[in-house]
Amino acid sequence: MVIRPISEIANSLNPQNVAKREKVKGESVGRDKVDISSEGRILHQVQQASNIVSEAPDIRVEKVEEARERLTTSYYLQRQIVERIAERIAKALGF
């Protein structure tokens, strides 16, 4: 077993020295490259869509049905309801 001085090991790990050694070997020095297949890209898009759906608030069917019924029965045309809606809109807009 050969024990080398730390300075020699540190020198061999220097990125500039690594690049020099690779050029000497005839290899080009560049960046790493990753190729992702079209199937991989599609899988990634599906995963992103799944995450968006899972983070979306749940739709409560009973609330949707209640709103649909109120729209069809002219509930929102009552004076009290119109005033309440107008107040909430004004508040949301900062008036």
PDB file of N, CA and C in Angstrom:
ATOM      1  N   MET A   1       0.843  -1.165   0.000  1.00  0.00           N
ATOM      2  CA  MET A   1       0.000   0.000   0.000  1.00  0.00           C
ATOM      3  C   MET A   1       0.891   1.232   0.000  1.00  0.00           C
ATOM      4  N   VAL A   2       0.504   2.208  -0.846  1.00  0.00           N
ATOM      5  CA  VAL A   2       1.273   3.442  -0.947  1.00  0.00           C
ATOM      6  C   VAL A   2       0.491   4.551  -0.256  1.00  0.00           C
ATOM      7  N   ILE A   3       1.151   5.249   0.654  1.00  0.00           N
ATOM      8  CA  ILE A   3       0.524   6.367   1.355  1.00  0.00           C
ATOM      9  C   ILE A   3       1.099   7.642   0.764  1.00  0.00           C
ATOM     10  N   ARG A   4       0.210   8.458   0.215  1.00  0.00           N
ATOM     11  CA  ARG A   4       0.653   9.686  -0.436  1.00  0.00           C
ATOM     12  C   ARG A   4       0.353  10.881   0.466  1.00  0.00           C
ATOM     13  N   PRO A   5       1.088  11.949   0.312  1.00  0.00           N
ATOM     14  CA  PRO A   5       0.819  13.157   1.106  1.00  0.00           C
ATOM     15  C   PRO A   5      -0.544  13.756   0.728  1.00  0.00           C
ATOM     16  N   ILE A   6      -1.168  14.393   1.692  1.00  0.00           N
ATOM     17  CA  ILE A   6      -2.485  14.989   1.467  1.00  0.00           C
ATOM     18  C   ILE A   6      -2.429  16.014   0.343  1.00  0.00           C
ATOM     19  N   SER A   7      -1.376  16.776   0.238  1.00  0.00           N
ATOM     20  CA  SER A   7      -1.283  17.795  -0.806  1.00  0.00           C
ATOM     21  C   SER A   7      -1.370  17.166  -2.193  1.00  0.00           C
ATOM     22  N   GLU A   8      -0.818  16.000  -2.362  1.00  0.00           N
ATOM     23  CA  GLU A   8      -0.868  15.325  -3.660  1.00  0.00           C
ATOM     24  C   GLU A   8      -2.296  14.868  -3.973  1.00  0.00           C
ATOM     25  N   ILE A   9      -3.014  14.393  -2.973  1.00  0.00           N
ATOM     26  CA  ILE A   9      -4.400  13.958  -3.169  1.00  0.00           C
ATOM     27  C   ILE A   9      -5.281  15.163  -3.474  1.00  0.00           C
ATOM     28  N   ALA A  10      -5.113  16.228  -2.706  1.00  0.00           N
ATOM     29  CA  ALA A  10      -5.899  17.439  -2.926  1.00  0.00           C
ATOM     30  C   ALA A  10      -5.631  17.995  -4.318  1.00  0.00           C
ATOM     31  N   ASN A  11      -4.388  17.924  -4.768  1.00  0.00           N
ATOM     32  CA  ASN A  11      -4.023  18.400  -6.099  1.00  0.00           C
ATOM     33  C   ASN A  11      -4.725  17.584  -7.177  1.00  0.00           C
ATOM     34  N   SER A  12      -4.855  16.291  -6.957  1.00  0.00           N
ATOM     35  CA  SER A  12      -5.477  15.448  -7.969  1.00  0.00           C
ATOM     36  C   SER A  12      -6.991  15.666  -8.037  1.00  0.00           C
ATOM     37  N   LEU A  13      -7.583  16.196  -6.968  1.00  0.00           N
ATOM     38  CA  LEU A  13      -9.016  16.467  -6.948  1.00  0.00           C
ATOM     39  C   LEU A  13      -9.384  17.847  -7.471  1.00  0.00           C
ATOM     40  N   ASN A  14      -8.410  18.686  -7.704  1.00  0.00           N
ATOM     41  CA  ASN A  14      -8.643  20.024  -8.221  1.00  0.00           C
ATOM     42  C   ASN A  14      -9.312  19.919  -9.597  1.00  0.00           C
ATOM     43  N   PRO A  15     -10.437  20.615  -9.827  1.00  0.00           N
ATOM     44  CA  PRO A  15     -11.154  20.508 -11.103  1.00  0.00           C
ATOM     45  C   PRO A  15     -10.299  20.844 -12.324  1.00  0.00           C
ATOM     46  N   GLN A  16      -9.367  21.774 -12.168  1.00  0.00           N
ATOM     47  CA  GLN A  16      -8.516  22.129 -13.304  1.00  0.00           C
ATOM     48  C   GLN A  16      -7.603  20.960 -13.683  1.00  0.00           C
ATOM     49  N   ASN A  17      -7.103  20.262 -12.678  1.00  0.00           N
ATOM     50  CA  ASN A  17      -6.238  19.122 -12.959  1.00  0.00           C
ATOM     51  C   ASN A  17      -7.029  17.967 -13.565  1.00  0.00           C
ATOM     52  N   VAL A  18      -8.267  17.791 -13.135  1.00  0.00           N
ATOM     53  CA  VAL A  18      -9.119  16.739 -13.699  1.00  0.00           C
ATOM     54  C   VAL A  18      -9.355  17.025 -15.169  1.00  0.00           C
ATOM     55  N   ALA A  19      -9.656  18.300 -15.480  1.00  0.00           N
ATOM     56  CA  ALA A  19      -9.897  18.675 -16.873  1.00  0.00           C
ATOM     57  C   ALA A  19      -8.650  18.427 -17.722  1.00  0.00           C
ATOM     58  N   LYS A  20      -7.492  18.744 -17.192  1.00  0.00           N
ATOM     59  CA  LYS A  20      -6.247  18.518 -17.930  1.00  0.00           C
ATOM     60  C   LYS A  20      -6.058  17.036 -18.201  1.00  0.00           C
ATOM     61  N   ARG A  21      -6.318  16.199 -17.201  1.00  0.00           N
ATOM     62  CA  ARG A  21      -6.140  14.757 -17.385  1.00  0.00           C
ATOM     63  C   ARG A  21      -7.098  14.230 -18.442  1.00  0.00           C
ATOM     64  N   GLU A  22      -8.348  14.733 -18.435  1.00  0.00           N
ATOM     65  CA  GLU A  22      -9.318  14.252 -19.410  1.00  0.00           C
ATOM     66  C   GLU A  22      -8.934  14.674 -20.819  1.00  0.00           C
ATOM     67  N   LYS A  23      -8.388  15.887 -20.973  1.00  0.00           N
ATOM     68  CA  LYS A  23      -7.958  16.336 -22.303  1.00  0.00           C
ATOM     69  C   LYS A  23      -6.796  15.489 -22.793  1.00  0.00           C
ATOM     70  N   VAL A  24      -5.946  15.128 -21.899  1.00  0.00           N
ATOM     71  CA  VAL A  24      -4.793  14.307 -22.278  1.00  0.00           C
ATOM     72  C   VAL A  24      -5.270  12.942 -22.769  1.00  0.00           C
ATOM     73  N   LYS A  25      -6.311  12.413 -22.143  1.00  0.00           N
ATOM     74  CA  LYS A  25      -6.835  11.117 -22.543  1.00  0.00           C
ATOM     75  C   LYS A  25      -7.579  11.189 -23.874  1.00  0.00           C
ATOM     76  N   GLY A  26      -7.818  12.386 -24.378  1.00  0.00           N
ATOM     77  CA  GLY A  26      -8.517  12.533 -25.634  1.00  0.00           C
ATOM     78  C   GLY A  26     -10.024  12.690 -25.473  1.00  0.00           C
ATOM     79  N   GLU A  27     -10.477  12.796 -24.256  1.00  0.00           N
ATOM     80  CA  GLU A  27     -11.905  12.978 -24.018  1.00  0.00           C
ATOM     81  C   GLU A  27     -12.215  14.464 -23.965  1.00  0.00           C
ATOM     82  N   SER A  28     -13.372  14.835 -24.429  1.00  0.00           N
ATOM     83  CA  SER A  28     -13.754  16.235 -24.356  1.00  0.00           C
ATOM     84  C   SER A  28     -14.344  16.513 -22.978  1.00  0.00           C
ATOM     85  N   VAL A  29     -14.077  17.706 -22.511  1.00  0.00           N
ATOM     86  CA  VAL A  29     -14.595  18.106 -21.217  1.00  0.00           C
ATOM     87  C   VAL A  29     -15.859  18.903 -21.473  1.00  0.00           C
ATOM     88  N   GLY A  30     -16.947  18.510 -20.866  1.00  0.00           N
ATOM     89  CA  GLY A  30     -18.211  19.221 -21.066  1.00  0.00           C
ATOM     90  C   GLY A  30     -19.119  19.023 -19.889  1.00  0.00           C
ATOM     91  N   ARG A  31     -20.332  19.336 -20.109  1.00  0.00           N
ATOM     92  CA  ARG A  31     -21.331  19.190 -19.055  1.00  0.00           C
ATOM     93  C   ARG A  31     -22.015  17.846 -19.191  1.00  0.00           C
ATOM     94  N   ASP A  32     -22.582  17.401 -18.089  1.00  0.00           N
ATOM     95  CA  ASP A  32     -23.359  16.170 -18.123  1.00  0.00           C
ATOM     96  C   ASP A  32     -24.615  16.403 -18.945  1.00  0.00           C
ATOM     97  N   LYS A  33     -25.126  15.361 -19.537  1.00  0.00           N
ATOM     98  CA  LYS A  33     -26.312  15.487 -20.370  1.00  0.00           C
ATOM     99  C   LYS A  33     -27.278  14.373 -20.006  1.00  0.00           C
ATOM    100  N   VAL A  34     -28.546  14.741 -19.923  1.00  0.00           N
ATOM    101  CA  VAL A  34     -29.585  13.771 -19.621  1.00  0.00           C
ATOM    102  C   VAL A  34     -30.633  13.849 -20.722  1.00  0.00           C
ATOM    103  N   ASP A  35     -30.975  12.715 -21.285  1.00  0.00           N
ATOM    104  CA  ASP A  35     -32.037  12.647 -22.283  1.00  0.00           C
ATOM    105  C   ASP A  35     -33.250  11.999 -21.640  1.00  0.00           C
ATOM    106  N   ILE A  36     -34.390  12.676 -21.741  1.00  0.00           N
ATOM    107  CA  ILE A  36     -35.617  12.154 -21.167  1.00  0.00           C
ATOM    108  C   ILE A  36     -36.524  11.736 -22.320  1.00  0.00           C
ATOM    109  N   SER A  37     -36.995  10.516 -22.266  1.00  0.00           N
ATOM    110  CA  SER A  37     -37.841   9.991 -23.339  1.00  0.00           C
ATOM    111  C   SER A  37     -39.182  10.709 -23.364  1.00  0.00           C
ATOM    112  N   SER A  38     -39.875  10.581 -24.487  1.00  0.00           N
ATOM    113  CA  SER A  38     -41.198  11.205 -24.593  1.00  0.00           C
ATOM    114  C   SER A  38     -42.151  10.579 -23.579  1.00  0.00           C
ATOM    115  N   GLU A  39     -41.994   9.278 -23.317  1.00  0.00           N
ATOM    116  CA  GLU A  39     -42.824   8.626 -22.310  1.00  0.00           C
ATOM    117  C   GLU A  39     -42.558   9.221 -20.932  1.00  0.00           C
ATOM    118  N   GLY A  40     -41.300   9.516 -20.650  1.00  0.00           N
ATOM    119  CA  GLY A  40     -40.944  10.127 -19.373  1.00  0.00           C
ATOM    120  C   GLY A  40     -41.536  11.511 -19.226  1.00  0.00           C
ATOM    121  N   ARG A  41     -41.524  12.277 -20.330  1.00  0.00           N
ATOM    122  CA  ARG A  41     -42.109  13.619 -20.292  1.00  0.00           C
ATOM    123  C   ARG A  41     -43.616  13.540 -20.052  1.00  0.00           C
ATOM    124  N   ILE A  42     -44.271  12.605 -20.737  1.00  0.00           N
ATOM    125  CA  ILE A  42     -45.719  12.449 -20.559  1.00  0.00           C
ATOM    126  C   ILE A  42     -46.030  12.035 -19.124  1.00  0.00           C
ATOM    127  N   LEU A  43     -45.260  11.111 -18.599  1.00  0.00           N
ATOM    128  CA  LEU A  43     -45.462  10.678 -17.218  1.00  0.00           C
ATOM    129  C   LEU A  43     -45.301  11.843 -16.252  1.00  0.00           C
ATOM    130  N   HIS A  44     -44.326  12.710 -16.510  1.00  0.00           N
ATOM    131  CA  HIS A  44     -44.108  13.888 -15.669  1.00  0.00           C
ATOM    132  C   HIS A  44     -45.316  14.828 -15.737  1.00  0.00           C
ATOM    133  N   GLN A  45     -45.854  15.038 -16.940  1.00  0.00           N
ATOM    134  CA  GLN A  45     -47.023  15.901 -17.093  1.00  0.00           C
ATOM    135  C   GLN A  45     -48.236  15.315 -16.371  1.00  0.00           C
ATOM    136  N   VAL A  46     -48.397  14.001 -16.470  1.00  0.00           N
ATOM    137  CA  VAL A  46     -49.502  13.350 -15.771  1.00  0.00           C
ATOM    138  C   VAL A  46     -49.337  13.515 -14.267  1.00  0.00           C
ATOM    139  N   GLN A  47     -48.121  13.372 -13.778  1.00  0.00           N
ATOM    140  CA  GLN A  47     -47.856  13.530 -12.343  1.00  0.00           C
ATOM    141  C   GLN A  47     -48.161  14.952 -11.893  1.00  0.00           C
ATOM    142  N   GLN A  48     -47.758  15.949 -12.707  1.00  0.00           N
ATOM    143  CA  GLN A  48     -48.047  17.340 -12.360  1.00  0.00           C
ATOM    144  C   GLN A  48     -49.553  17.587 -12.323  1.00  0.00           C
ATOM    145  N   ALA A  49     -50.274  17.068 -13.310  1.00  0.00           N
ATOM    146  CA  ALA A  49     -51.726  17.234 -13.344  1.00  0.00           C
ATOM    147  C   ALA A  49     -52.369  16.567 -12.133  1.00  0.00           C
ATOM    148  N   SER A  50     -51.871  15.399 -11.781  1.00  0.00           N
ATOM    149  CA  SER A  50     -52.394  14.690 -10.611  1.00  0.00           C
ATOM    150  C   SER A  50     -52.175  15.500  -9.340  1.00  0.00           C
ATOM    151  N   ASN A  51     -51.020  16.120  -9.220  1.00  0.00           N
ATOM    152  CA  ASN A  51     -50.728  16.958  -8.047  1.00  0.00           C
ATOM    153  C   ASN A  51     -51.663  18.155  -7.981  1.00  0.00           C
ATOM    154  N   ILE A  52     -51.926  18.779  -9.130  1.00  0.00           N
ATOM    155  CA  ILE A  52     -52.817  19.943  -9.166  1.00  0.00           C
ATOM    156  C   ILE A  52     -54.223  19.530  -8.744  1.00  0.00           C
ATOM    157  N   VAL A  53     -54.682  18.403  -9.260  1.00  0.00           N
ATOM    158  CA  VAL A  53     -56.028  17.931  -8.920  1.00  0.00           C
ATOM    159  C   VAL A  53     -56.121  17.588  -7.436  1.00  0.00           C
ATOM    160  N   SER A  54     -55.093  16.939  -6.904  1.00  0.00           N
ATOM    161  CA  SER A  54     -55.148  16.549  -5.494  1.00  0.00           C
ATOM    162  C   SER A  54     -55.090  17.758  -4.568  1.00  0.00           C
ATOM    163  N   GLU A  55     -54.513  18.873  -5.021  1.00  0.00           N
ATOM    164  CA  GLU A  55     -54.440  20.078  -4.204  1.00  0.00           C
ATOM    165  C   GLU A  55     -55.670  20.970  -4.358  1.00  0.00           C
ATOM    166  N   ALA A  56     -56.494  20.699  -5.368  1.00  0.00           N
ATOM    167  CA  ALA A  56     -57.691  21.508  -5.609  1.00  0.00           C
ATOM    168  C   ALA A  56     -58.723  21.219  -4.518  1.00  0.00           C
ATOM    169  N   PRO A  57     -59.488  22.240  -4.179  1.00  0.00           N
ATOM    170  CA  PRO A  57     -60.519  22.010  -3.158  1.00  0.00           C
ATOM    171  C   PRO A  57     -61.582  21.050  -3.681  1.00  0.00           C
ATOM    172  N   ASP A  58     -62.152  20.296  -2.773  1.00  0.00           N
ATOM    173  CA  ASP A  58     -63.203  19.357  -3.147  1.00  0.00           C
ATOM    174  C   ASP A  58     -64.460  20.120  -3.556  1.00  0.00           C
ATOM    175  N   ILE A  59     -65.186  19.577  -4.511  1.00  0.00           N
ATOM    176  CA  ILE A  59     -66.461  20.151  -4.931  1.00  0.00           C
ATOM    177  C   ILE A  59     -67.554  19.438  -4.150  1.00  0.00           C
ATOM    178  N   ARG A  60     -68.323  20.225  -3.449  1.00  0.00           N
ATOM    179  CA  ARG A  60     -69.416  19.646  -2.666  1.00  0.00           C
ATOM    180  C   ARG A  60     -70.681  19.681  -3.522  1.00  0.00           C
ATOM    181  N   VAL A  61     -71.088  18.523  -3.954  1.00  0.00           N
ATOM    182  CA  VAL A  61     -72.210  18.383  -4.869  1.00  0.00           C
ATOM    183  C   VAL A  61     -73.478  19.012  -4.294  1.00  0.00           C
ATOM    184  N   GLU A  62     -73.685  18.869  -2.999  1.00  0.00           N
ATOM    185  CA  GLU A  62     -74.905  19.422  -2.402  1.00  0.00           C
ATOM    186  C   GLU A  62     -74.940  20.946  -2.505  1.00  0.00           C
ATOM    187  N   LYS A  63     -73.765  21.591  -2.390  1.00  0.00           N
ATOM    188  CA  LYS A  63     -73.712  23.057  -2.526  1.00  0.00           C
ATOM    189  C   LYS A  63     -73.983  23.478  -3.966  1.00  0.00           C
ATOM    190  N   VAL A  64     -73.466  22.725  -4.906  1.00  0.00           N
ATOM    191  CA  VAL A  64     -73.701  23.032  -6.320  1.00  0.00           C
ATOM    192  C   VAL A  64     -75.187  22.885  -6.641  1.00  0.00           C
ATOM    193  N   GLU A  65     -75.781  21.826  -6.153  1.00  0.00           N
ATOM    194  CA  GLU A  65     -77.215  21.607  -6.396  1.00  0.00           C
ATOM    195  C   GLU A  65     -78.058  22.714  -5.758  1.00  0.00           C
ATOM    196  N   GLU A  66     -77.671  23.134  -4.562  1.00  0.00           N
ATOM    197  CA  GLU A  66     -78.398  24.218  -3.881  1.00  0.00           C
ATOM    198  C   GLU A  66     -78.321  25.512  -4.691  1.00  0.00           C
ATOM    199  N   ALA A  67     -77.135  25.837  -5.185  1.00  0.00           N
ATOM    200  CA  ALA A  67     -76.964  27.052  -5.989  1.00  0.00           C
ATOM    201  C   ALA A  67     -77.759  26.943  -7.290  1.00  0.00           C
ATOM    202  N   ARG A  68     -77.754  25.779  -7.907  1.00  0.00           N
ATOM    203  CA  ARG A  68     -78.502  25.574  -9.159  1.00  0.00           C
ATOM    204  C   ARG A  68     -80.009  25.783  -8.909  1.00  0.00           C
ATOM    205  N   GLU A  69     -80.485  25.244  -7.815  1.00  0.00           N
ATOM    206  CA  GLU A  69     -81.905  25.390  -7.484  1.00  0.00           C
ATOM    207  C   GLU A  69     -82.249  26.861  -7.237  1.00  0.00           C
ATOM    208  N   ARG A  70     -81.390  27.557  -6.523  1.00  0.00           N
ATOM    209  CA  ARG A  70     -81.649  28.978  -6.239  1.00  0.00           C
ATOM    210  C   ARG A  70     -81.652  29.810  -7.517  1.00  0.00           C
ATOM    211  N   LEU A  71     -80.814  29.456  -8.462  1.00  0.00           N
ATOM    212  CA  LEU A  71     -80.789  30.185  -9.726  1.00  0.00           C
ATOM    213  C   LEU A  71     -82.081  29.965 -10.518  1.00  0.00           C
ATOM    214  N   THR A  72     -82.572  28.759 -10.491  1.00  0.00           N
ATOM    215  CA  THR A  72     -83.776  28.458 -11.275  1.00  0.00           C
ATOM    216  C   THR A  72     -85.055  28.948 -10.614  1.00  0.00           C
ATOM    217  N   THR A  73     -85.047  29.204  -9.305  1.00  0.00           N
ATOM    218  CA  THR A  73     -86.269  29.642  -8.595  1.00  0.00           C
ATOM    219  C   THR A  73     -86.281  31.141  -8.326  1.00  0.00           C
ATOM    220  N   SER A  74     -85.390  31.901  -8.917  1.00  0.00           N
ATOM    221  CA  SER A  74     -85.327  33.367  -8.756  1.00  0.00           C
ATOM    222  C   SER A  74     -85.014  33.792  -7.323  1.00  0.00           C
ATOM    223  N   TYR A  75     -84.386  32.935  -6.554  1.00  0.00           N
ATOM    224  CA  TYR A  75     -84.008  33.249  -5.172  1.00  0.00           C
ATOM    225  C   TYR A  75     -83.138  34.498  -5.123  1.00  0.00           C
ATOM    226  N   TYR A  76     -82.220  34.625  -6.076  1.00  0.00           N
ATOM    227  CA  TYR A  76     -81.269  35.732  -6.051  1.00  0.00           C
ATOM    228  C   TYR A  76     -81.875  37.055  -6.511  1.00  0.00           C
ATOM    229  N   LEU A  77     -83.152  37.057  -6.872  1.00  0.00           N
ATOM    230  CA  LEU A  77     -83.797  38.305  -7.277  1.00  0.00           C
ATOM    231  C   LEU A  77     -84.518  38.981  -6.106  1.00  0.00           C
ATOM    232  N   GLN A  78     -84.522  38.371  -4.942  1.00  0.00           N
ATOM    233  CA  GLN A  78     -85.131  38.974  -3.757  1.00  0.00           C
ATOM    234  C   GLN A  78     -84.299  40.183  -3.318  1.00  0.00           C
ATOM    235  N   ARG A  79     -84.978  41.223  -2.891  1.00  0.00           N
ATOM    236  CA  ARG A  79     -84.293  42.477  -2.539  1.00  0.00           C
ATOM    237  C   ARG A  79     -83.216  42.256  -1.462  1.00  0.00           C
ATOM    238  N   GLN A  80     -83.546  41.515  -0.409  1.00  0.00           N
ATOM    239  CA  GLN A  80     -82.587  41.276   0.681  1.00  0.00           C
ATOM    240  C   GLN A  80     -81.321  40.575   0.149  1.00  0.00           C
ATOM    241  N   ILE A  81     -81.528  39.600  -0.697  1.00  0.00           N
ATOM    242  CA  ILE A  81     -80.403  38.833  -1.229  1.00  0.00           C
ATOM    243  C   ILE A  81     -79.551  39.708  -2.147  1.00  0.00           C
ATOM    244  N   VAL A  82     -80.185  40.520  -2.989  1.00  0.00           N
ATOM    245  CA  VAL A  82     -79.451  41.410  -3.896  1.00  0.00           C
ATOM    246  C   VAL A  82     -78.607  42.383  -3.083  1.00  0.00           C
ATOM    247  N   GLU A  83     -79.177  42.938  -2.015  1.00  0.00           N
ATOM    248  CA  GLU A  83     -78.431  43.884  -1.175  1.00  0.00           C
ATOM    249  C   GLU A  83     -77.245  43.190  -0.492  1.00  0.00           C
ATOM    250  N   ARG A  84     -77.465  41.978   0.013  1.00  0.00           N
ATOM    251  CA  ARG A  84     -76.381  41.242   0.674  1.00  0.00           C
ATOM    252  C   ARG A  84     -75.247  40.929  -0.314  1.00  0.00           C
ATOM    253  N   ILE A  85     -75.613  40.521  -1.508  1.00  0.00           N
ATOM    254  CA  ILE A  85     -74.601  40.217  -2.539  1.00  0.00           C
ATOM    255  C   ILE A  85     -73.842  41.490  -2.908  1.00  0.00           C
ATOM    256  N   ALA A  86     -74.561  42.595  -3.067  1.00  0.00           N
ATOM    257  CA  ALA A  86     -73.915  43.870  -3.409  1.00  0.00           C
ATOM    258  C   ALA A  86     -72.940  44.302  -2.317  1.00  0.00           C
ATOM    259  N   GLU A  87     -73.336  44.130  -1.054  1.00  0.00           N
ATOM    260  CA  GLU A  87     -72.441  44.473   0.062  1.00  0.00           C
ATOM    261  C   GLU A  87     -71.174  43.625   0.030  1.00  0.00           C
ATOM    262  N   ARG A  88     -71.338  42.344  -0.215  1.00  0.00           N
ATOM    263  CA  ARG A  88     -70.170  41.454  -0.245  1.00  0.00           C
ATOM    264  C   ARG A  88     -69.241  41.775  -1.414  1.00  0.00           C
ATOM    265  N   ILE A  89     -69.815  42.121  -2.566  1.00  0.00           N
ATOM    266  CA  ILE A  89     -68.996  42.488  -3.720  1.00  0.00           C
ATOM    267  C   ILE A  89     -68.238  43.769  -3.419  1.00  0.00           C
ATOM    268  N   ALA A  90     -68.929  44.754  -2.841  1.00  0.00           N
ATOM    269  CA  ALA A  90     -68.293  46.039  -2.508  1.00  0.00           C
ATOM    270  C   ALA A  90     -67.161  45.825  -1.498  1.00  0.00           C
ATOM    271  N   LYS A  91     -67.401  44.971  -0.506  1.00  0.00           N
ATOM    272  CA  LYS A  91     -66.379  44.674   0.486  1.00  0.00           C
ATOM    273  C   LYS A  91     -65.164  43.997  -0.153  1.00  0.00           C
ATOM    274  N   ALA A  92     -65.426  43.060  -1.046  1.00  0.00           N
ATOM    275  CA  ALA A  92     -64.330  42.348  -1.716  1.00  0.00           C
ATOM    276  C   ALA A  92     -63.510  43.299  -2.588  1.00  0.00           C
ATOM    277  N   LEU A  93     -64.149  44.320  -3.145  1.00  0.00           N
ATOM    278  CA  LEU A  93     -63.448  45.298  -3.986  1.00  0.00           C
ATOM    279  C   LEU A  93     -62.845  46.436  -3.183  1.00  0.00           C
ATOM    280  N   GLY A  94     -63.070  46.425  -1.874  1.00  0.00           N
ATOM    281  CA  GLY A  94     -62.470  47.436  -1.007  1.00  0.00           C
ATOM    282  C   GLY A  94     -63.240  48.714  -0.899  1.00  0.00           C
ATOM    283  N   PHE A  95     -64.532  48.702  -1.168  1.00  0.00           N
ATOM    284  CA  PHE A  95     -65.374  49.908  -1.052  1.00  0.00           C
ATOM    285  C   PHE A  95     -66.006  49.985   0.297  1.00  0.00           C
TER     286      PHE A  95
END
